[in-house]
């Protein structure tokens, strides 16, 4: 299980990688330095999914890094990754596809075939 410390550690690592000071990052995303410190040390998890895009933007994360940030948040919070949740909510067909896959017991191999089709 991913812990909130893994999520916070990822933010810390990305901040250090980019030579961004804590106060600067806190200012960029609109939170206090203390709150940022609590997130980085796993004492608090971001409240509100709106903060995640701000963190990703402030750290200038690549798509891969942003996905990792979102997935670590999802694992630590027990929720669906917010970008995926937004996509599901924006397209009712996705809900139908997921329900159908669930009903028929779609296998990993079948999902991988779907991914291959989408990548063509």
N, C-alpha and C. Protein backbone atom coordinates (compact mmCIF):
# COMPACT_ATOMS: atom_id res chain seq x y z
N UNK A 1 0.84 -1.19 0.00
CA UNK A 1 0.00 0.00 0.00
C UNK A 1 0.88 1.25 0.00
N UNK A 2 0.53 2.21 -0.80
CA UNK A 2 1.24 3.47 -0.87
C UNK A 2 0.80 4.32 0.32
N UNK A 3 1.75 4.95 0.97
CA UNK A 3 1.43 5.82 2.09
C UNK A 3 1.53 7.27 1.66
N UNK A 4 0.95 8.13 2.49
CA UNK A 4 1.01 9.56 2.19
C UNK A 4 2.45 10.06 2.21
N UNK A 5 3.34 9.35 2.93
CA UNK A 5 4.75 9.75 2.92
C UNK A 5 5.35 9.54 1.53
N UNK A 6 4.91 8.52 0.80
CA UNK A 6 5.41 8.30 -0.57
C UNK A 6 5.00 9.46 -1.48
N UNK A 7 3.77 9.91 -1.32
CA UNK A 7 3.26 11.05 -2.07
C UNK A 7 4.08 12.30 -1.73
N UNK A 8 4.23 12.56 -0.44
CA UNK A 8 4.98 13.73 0.00
C UNK A 8 6.44 13.66 -0.38
N UNK A 9 7.02 12.48 -0.30
CA UNK A 9 8.42 12.31 -0.68
C UNK A 9 8.62 12.60 -2.16
N UNK A 10 7.67 12.18 -2.97
CA UNK A 10 7.77 12.47 -4.41
C UNK A 10 7.79 13.97 -4.66
N UNK A 11 6.92 14.71 -3.96
CA UNK A 11 6.92 16.17 -4.10
C UNK A 11 8.26 16.74 -3.67
N UNK A 12 8.78 16.27 -2.55
CA UNK A 12 10.08 16.75 -2.06
C UNK A 12 11.18 16.48 -3.07
N UNK A 13 11.19 15.28 -3.63
CA UNK A 13 12.22 14.92 -4.60
C UNK A 13 12.14 15.80 -5.84
N UNK A 14 10.93 16.04 -6.31
CA UNK A 14 10.77 16.87 -7.50
C UNK A 14 11.16 18.32 -7.22
N UNK A 15 10.85 18.77 -6.03
CA UNK A 15 11.21 20.13 -5.62
C UNK A 15 12.73 20.28 -5.58
N UNK A 16 13.40 19.31 -4.98
CA UNK A 16 14.86 19.34 -4.89
C UNK A 16 15.50 19.21 -6.26
N UNK A 17 14.96 18.35 -7.08
CA UNK A 17 15.48 18.13 -8.44
C UNK A 17 15.49 19.44 -9.23
N UNK A 18 14.52 20.29 -8.94
CA UNK A 18 14.37 21.55 -9.68
C UNK A 18 14.93 22.75 -8.92
N UNK A 19 15.57 22.47 -7.77
CA UNK A 19 16.16 23.52 -6.92
C UNK A 19 15.15 24.60 -6.54
N UNK A 20 13.97 24.14 -6.14
CA UNK A 20 12.92 25.06 -5.70
C UNK A 20 12.85 25.00 -4.17
N UNK A 21 12.89 26.14 -3.55
CA UNK A 21 12.78 26.22 -2.09
C UNK A 21 11.32 25.99 -1.66
N UNK A 22 11.13 25.53 -0.44
CA UNK A 22 9.79 25.24 0.07
C UNK A 22 8.88 26.46 0.02
N UNK A 23 9.38 27.61 0.45
CA UNK A 23 8.54 28.81 0.46
C UNK A 23 8.12 29.19 -0.95
N UNK A 24 9.03 29.04 -1.90
CA UNK A 24 8.72 29.37 -3.29
C UNK A 24 7.62 28.45 -3.82
N UNK A 25 7.73 27.15 -3.55
CA UNK A 25 6.71 26.22 -4.02
C UNK A 25 5.38 26.51 -3.33
N UNK A 26 5.41 26.73 -2.03
CA UNK A 26 4.18 27.04 -1.30
C UNK A 26 3.50 28.28 -1.88
N UNK A 27 4.29 29.31 -2.18
CA UNK A 27 3.73 30.53 -2.77
C UNK A 27 3.12 30.25 -4.14
N UNK A 28 3.81 29.44 -4.93
CA UNK A 28 3.32 29.13 -6.29
C UNK A 28 1.98 28.41 -6.27
N UNK A 29 1.78 27.55 -5.27
CA UNK A 29 0.55 26.76 -5.24
C UNK A 29 -0.50 27.32 -4.28
N UNK A 30 -0.13 28.39 -3.58
CA UNK A 30 -1.12 29.08 -2.75
C UNK A 30 -1.42 28.44 -1.41
N UNK A 31 -0.39 27.83 -0.80
CA UNK A 31 -0.57 27.27 0.55
C UNK A 31 0.58 27.76 1.42
N UNK A 32 0.46 27.52 2.72
CA UNK A 32 1.54 27.95 3.62
C UNK A 32 2.71 26.98 3.54
N UNK A 33 3.87 27.47 3.91
CA UNK A 33 5.06 26.61 3.94
C UNK A 33 4.87 25.47 4.94
N UNK A 34 4.20 25.76 6.04
CA UNK A 34 3.94 24.73 7.06
C UNK A 34 3.06 23.61 6.53
N UNK A 35 2.03 23.98 5.78
CA UNK A 35 1.14 22.98 5.19
C UNK A 35 1.90 22.12 4.19
N UNK A 36 2.74 22.77 3.37
CA UNK A 36 3.55 22.03 2.41
C UNK A 36 4.47 21.05 3.14
N UNK A 37 5.06 21.49 4.22
CA UNK A 37 5.95 20.62 5.00
C UNK A 37 5.19 19.40 5.53
N UNK A 38 3.97 19.63 6.01
CA UNK A 38 3.16 18.51 6.51
C UNK A 38 2.85 17.52 5.39
N UNK A 39 2.58 18.02 4.20
CA UNK A 39 2.32 17.14 3.05
C UNK A 39 3.58 16.34 2.72
N UNK A 40 4.72 17.03 2.65
CA UNK A 40 5.97 16.38 2.29
C UNK A 40 6.37 15.30 3.30
N UNK A 41 6.02 15.50 4.57
CA UNK A 41 6.40 14.53 5.61
C UNK A 41 5.31 13.50 5.90
N UNK A 42 4.25 13.51 5.07
CA UNK A 42 3.20 12.49 5.19
C UNK A 42 2.28 12.70 6.36
N UNK A 43 2.28 13.89 6.96
CA UNK A 43 1.41 14.17 8.09
C UNK A 43 0.02 14.62 7.65
N UNK A 44 -0.05 15.14 6.44
CA UNK A 44 -1.32 15.54 5.85
C UNK A 44 -1.30 15.18 4.38
N UNK A 45 -2.48 14.98 3.85
CA UNK A 45 -2.64 14.74 2.42
C UNK A 45 -3.34 15.96 1.86
N UNK A 46 -3.05 16.29 0.65
CA UNK A 46 -3.70 17.46 0.03
C UNK A 46 -5.20 17.32 0.17
N UNK A 47 -5.83 18.34 0.68
CA UNK A 47 -7.29 18.34 0.65
C UNK A 47 -7.71 19.05 -0.62
N UNK A 48 -8.60 18.46 -1.30
CA UNK A 48 -9.05 19.06 -2.55
C UNK A 48 -8.16 18.69 -3.72
N UNK A 49 -8.77 18.14 -4.74
CA UNK A 49 -8.03 17.71 -5.91
C UNK A 49 -7.51 18.88 -6.73
N UNK A 50 -8.04 20.08 -6.49
CA UNK A 50 -7.60 21.26 -7.22
C UNK A 50 -6.15 21.62 -6.95
N UNK A 51 -5.62 21.16 -5.84
CA UNK A 51 -4.23 21.46 -5.48
C UNK A 51 -3.24 20.65 -6.31
N UNK A 52 -3.62 19.47 -6.73
CA UNK A 52 -2.70 18.61 -7.48
C UNK A 52 -2.26 19.24 -8.81
N UNK A 53 -3.17 19.77 -9.63
CA UNK A 53 -2.70 20.41 -10.86
C UNK A 53 -1.79 21.61 -10.59
N UNK A 54 -2.06 22.32 -9.50
CA UNK A 54 -1.21 23.46 -9.14
C UNK A 54 0.21 22.99 -8.80
N UNK A 55 0.29 21.88 -8.07
CA UNK A 55 1.61 21.32 -7.72
C UNK A 55 2.33 20.89 -8.99
N UNK A 56 1.63 20.17 -9.85
CA UNK A 56 2.23 19.70 -11.10
C UNK A 56 2.72 20.86 -11.96
N UNK A 57 1.92 21.91 -12.03
CA UNK A 57 2.31 23.07 -12.82
C UNK A 57 3.48 23.82 -12.19
N UNK A 58 3.42 24.01 -10.88
CA UNK A 58 4.48 24.75 -10.19
C UNK A 58 5.82 24.04 -10.29
N UNK A 59 5.78 22.70 -10.30
CA UNK A 59 7.01 21.92 -10.41
C UNK A 59 7.40 21.65 -11.87
N UNK A 60 6.54 22.09 -12.79
CA UNK A 60 6.76 21.87 -14.21
C UNK A 60 7.03 20.39 -14.51
N UNK A 61 6.12 19.55 -14.00
CA UNK A 61 6.26 18.11 -14.17
C UNK A 61 5.98 17.70 -15.61
N UNK A 62 6.69 16.69 -16.07
CA UNK A 62 6.38 16.07 -17.36
C UNK A 62 5.07 15.31 -17.20
N UNK A 63 4.50 14.87 -18.31
CA UNK A 63 3.27 14.07 -18.23
C UNK A 63 3.48 12.84 -17.36
N UNK A 64 4.59 12.16 -17.56
CA UNK A 64 4.87 10.95 -16.79
C UNK A 64 4.97 11.26 -15.29
N UNK A 65 5.65 12.34 -14.96
CA UNK A 65 5.78 12.73 -13.55
C UNK A 65 4.44 13.16 -12.97
N UNK A 66 3.63 13.86 -13.76
CA UNK A 66 2.31 14.28 -13.30
C UNK A 66 1.42 13.06 -13.03
N UNK A 67 1.48 12.09 -13.93
CA UNK A 67 0.71 10.86 -13.71
C UNK A 67 1.15 10.16 -12.44
N UNK A 68 2.45 10.14 -12.20
CA UNK A 68 2.95 9.51 -10.98
C UNK A 68 2.45 10.27 -9.75
N UNK A 69 2.50 11.60 -9.79
CA UNK A 69 1.99 12.41 -8.68
C UNK A 69 0.53 12.06 -8.41
N UNK A 70 -0.28 12.04 -9.47
CA UNK A 70 -1.70 11.74 -9.32
C UNK A 70 -1.92 10.32 -8.80
N UNK A 71 -1.15 9.37 -9.30
CA UNK A 71 -1.33 7.98 -8.87
C UNK A 71 -0.89 7.78 -7.42
N UNK A 72 0.18 8.46 -7.01
CA UNK A 72 0.60 8.38 -5.60
C UNK A 72 -0.46 9.00 -4.69
N UNK A 73 -1.03 10.11 -5.13
CA UNK A 73 -2.12 10.73 -4.36
C UNK A 73 -3.30 9.76 -4.26
N UNK A 74 -3.66 9.17 -5.39
CA UNK A 74 -4.80 8.25 -5.40
C UNK A 74 -4.57 7.07 -4.47
N UNK A 75 -3.38 6.51 -4.52
CA UNK A 75 -3.07 5.36 -3.66
C UNK A 75 -3.08 5.75 -2.18
N UNK A 76 -2.55 6.92 -1.87
CA UNK A 76 -2.49 7.36 -0.47
C UNK A 76 -3.86 7.74 0.06
N UNK A 77 -4.72 8.26 -0.80
CA UNK A 77 -6.04 8.72 -0.37
C UNK A 77 -7.12 7.65 -0.49
N UNK A 78 -6.81 6.57 -1.23
CA UNK A 78 -7.81 5.54 -1.45
C UNK A 78 -8.84 5.93 -2.49
N UNK A 79 -8.50 6.91 -3.32
CA UNK A 79 -9.41 7.39 -4.35
C UNK A 79 -8.86 7.07 -5.73
N UNK A 80 -9.66 7.36 -6.73
CA UNK A 80 -9.22 7.22 -8.12
C UNK A 80 -8.38 8.44 -8.46
N UNK A 81 -7.38 8.23 -9.28
CA UNK A 81 -6.54 9.34 -9.74
C UNK A 81 -7.44 10.44 -10.29
N UNK A 82 -7.23 11.70 -9.88
CA UNK A 82 -8.17 12.76 -10.26
C UNK A 82 -8.29 13.02 -11.75
N UNK A 83 -7.23 12.80 -12.51
CA UNK A 83 -7.35 13.00 -13.95
C UNK A 83 -8.25 11.93 -14.57
N UNK A 84 -8.16 10.72 -14.05
CA UNK A 84 -9.00 9.62 -14.54
C UNK A 84 -10.44 9.83 -14.12
N UNK A 85 -10.65 10.25 -12.89
CA UNK A 85 -12.00 10.53 -12.41
C UNK A 85 -12.67 11.60 -13.27
N UNK A 86 -11.93 12.66 -13.57
CA UNK A 86 -12.48 13.73 -14.40
C UNK A 86 -12.84 13.21 -15.80
N UNK A 87 -11.99 12.35 -16.35
CA UNK A 87 -12.25 11.80 -17.68
C UNK A 87 -13.50 10.91 -17.66
N UNK A 88 -13.62 10.09 -16.64
CA UNK A 88 -14.80 9.23 -16.52
C UNK A 88 -16.06 10.07 -16.41
N UNK A 89 -16.01 11.10 -15.59
CA UNK A 89 -17.19 11.96 -15.39
C UNK A 89 -17.55 12.74 -16.65
N UNK A 90 -16.56 13.02 -17.48
CA UNK A 90 -16.82 13.83 -18.67
C UNK A 90 -17.37 13.03 -19.84
N UNK A 91 -17.35 11.71 -19.74
CA UNK A 91 -17.74 10.89 -20.88
C UNK A 91 -18.56 9.69 -20.42
N UNK A 92 -19.88 9.73 -20.54
CA UNK A 92 -20.73 8.64 -20.07
C UNK A 92 -20.42 7.29 -20.74
N UNK A 93 -19.87 7.32 -21.93
CA UNK A 93 -19.54 6.06 -22.61
C UNK A 93 -18.47 5.29 -21.82
N UNK A 94 -17.57 6.02 -21.19
CA UNK A 94 -16.52 5.37 -20.40
C UNK A 94 -17.14 4.56 -19.27
N UNK A 95 -18.16 5.10 -18.64
CA UNK A 95 -18.86 4.37 -17.57
C UNK A 95 -19.45 3.08 -18.13
N UNK A 96 -20.06 3.16 -19.30
CA UNK A 96 -20.64 1.97 -19.93
C UNK A 96 -19.56 0.94 -20.23
N UNK A 97 -18.44 1.40 -20.75
CA UNK A 97 -17.34 0.49 -21.09
C UNK A 97 -16.84 -0.20 -19.83
N UNK A 98 -16.64 0.56 -18.78
CA UNK A 98 -16.13 -0.04 -17.53
C UNK A 98 -17.13 -1.02 -16.92
N UNK A 99 -18.40 -0.68 -16.98
CA UNK A 99 -19.42 -1.61 -16.46
C UNK A 99 -19.45 -2.90 -17.28
N UNK A 100 -19.37 -2.76 -18.59
CA UNK A 100 -19.39 -3.95 -19.45
C UNK A 100 -18.16 -4.81 -19.17
N UNK A 101 -17.00 -4.17 -19.05
CA UNK A 101 -15.77 -4.92 -18.76
C UNK A 101 -15.90 -5.64 -17.43
N UNK A 102 -16.49 -4.97 -16.47
CA UNK A 102 -16.70 -5.59 -15.16
C UNK A 102 -17.65 -6.77 -15.27
N UNK A 103 -18.76 -6.58 -15.98
CA UNK A 103 -19.78 -7.63 -16.11
C UNK A 103 -19.25 -8.87 -16.80
N UNK A 104 -18.40 -8.68 -17.81
CA UNK A 104 -17.88 -9.85 -18.54
C UNK A 104 -16.58 -10.37 -17.95
N UNK A 105 -16.07 -9.69 -16.92
CA UNK A 105 -14.83 -10.14 -16.29
C UNK A 105 -13.62 -9.97 -17.20
N UNK A 106 -13.50 -8.81 -17.80
CA UNK A 106 -12.39 -8.54 -18.73
C UNK A 106 -11.05 -8.88 -18.08
N UNK A 107 -10.23 -9.57 -18.83
CA UNK A 107 -8.92 -9.99 -18.34
C UNK A 107 -7.87 -8.91 -18.63
N UNK A 108 -6.74 -9.05 -18.00
CA UNK A 108 -5.63 -8.14 -18.26
C UNK A 108 -5.26 -8.19 -19.74
N UNK A 109 -5.24 -9.38 -20.30
CA UNK A 109 -4.91 -9.52 -21.71
C UNK A 109 -5.89 -8.75 -22.59
N UNK A 110 -7.17 -8.83 -22.28
CA UNK A 110 -8.17 -8.09 -23.06
C UNK A 110 -7.96 -6.58 -22.93
N UNK A 111 -7.64 -6.11 -21.74
CA UNK A 111 -7.36 -4.68 -21.55
C UNK A 111 -6.12 -4.26 -22.32
N UNK A 112 -5.11 -5.12 -22.33
CA UNK A 112 -3.90 -4.80 -23.09
C UNK A 112 -4.19 -4.73 -24.58
N UNK A 113 -5.08 -5.59 -25.07
CA UNK A 113 -5.48 -5.53 -26.48
C UNK A 113 -6.21 -4.23 -26.78
N UNK A 114 -7.04 -3.78 -25.85
CA UNK A 114 -7.74 -2.51 -26.03
C UNK A 114 -6.74 -1.36 -26.07
N UNK A 115 -5.77 -1.39 -25.20
CA UNK A 115 -4.72 -0.36 -25.20
C UNK A 115 -3.99 -0.36 -26.55
N UNK A 116 -3.66 -1.55 -27.04
CA UNK A 116 -2.99 -1.65 -28.35
C UNK A 116 -3.85 -1.02 -29.44
N UNK A 117 -5.14 -1.27 -29.42
CA UNK A 117 -6.03 -0.69 -30.42
C UNK A 117 -6.06 0.84 -30.32
N UNK A 118 -6.08 1.35 -29.12
CA UNK A 118 -6.12 2.79 -28.92
C UNK A 118 -4.82 3.48 -29.37
N UNK A 119 -3.73 2.76 -29.28
CA UNK A 119 -2.44 3.34 -29.64
C UNK A 119 -2.17 3.34 -31.14
N UNK A 120 -3.02 2.67 -31.90
CA UNK A 120 -2.83 2.61 -33.36
C UNK A 120 -3.31 3.87 -34.01
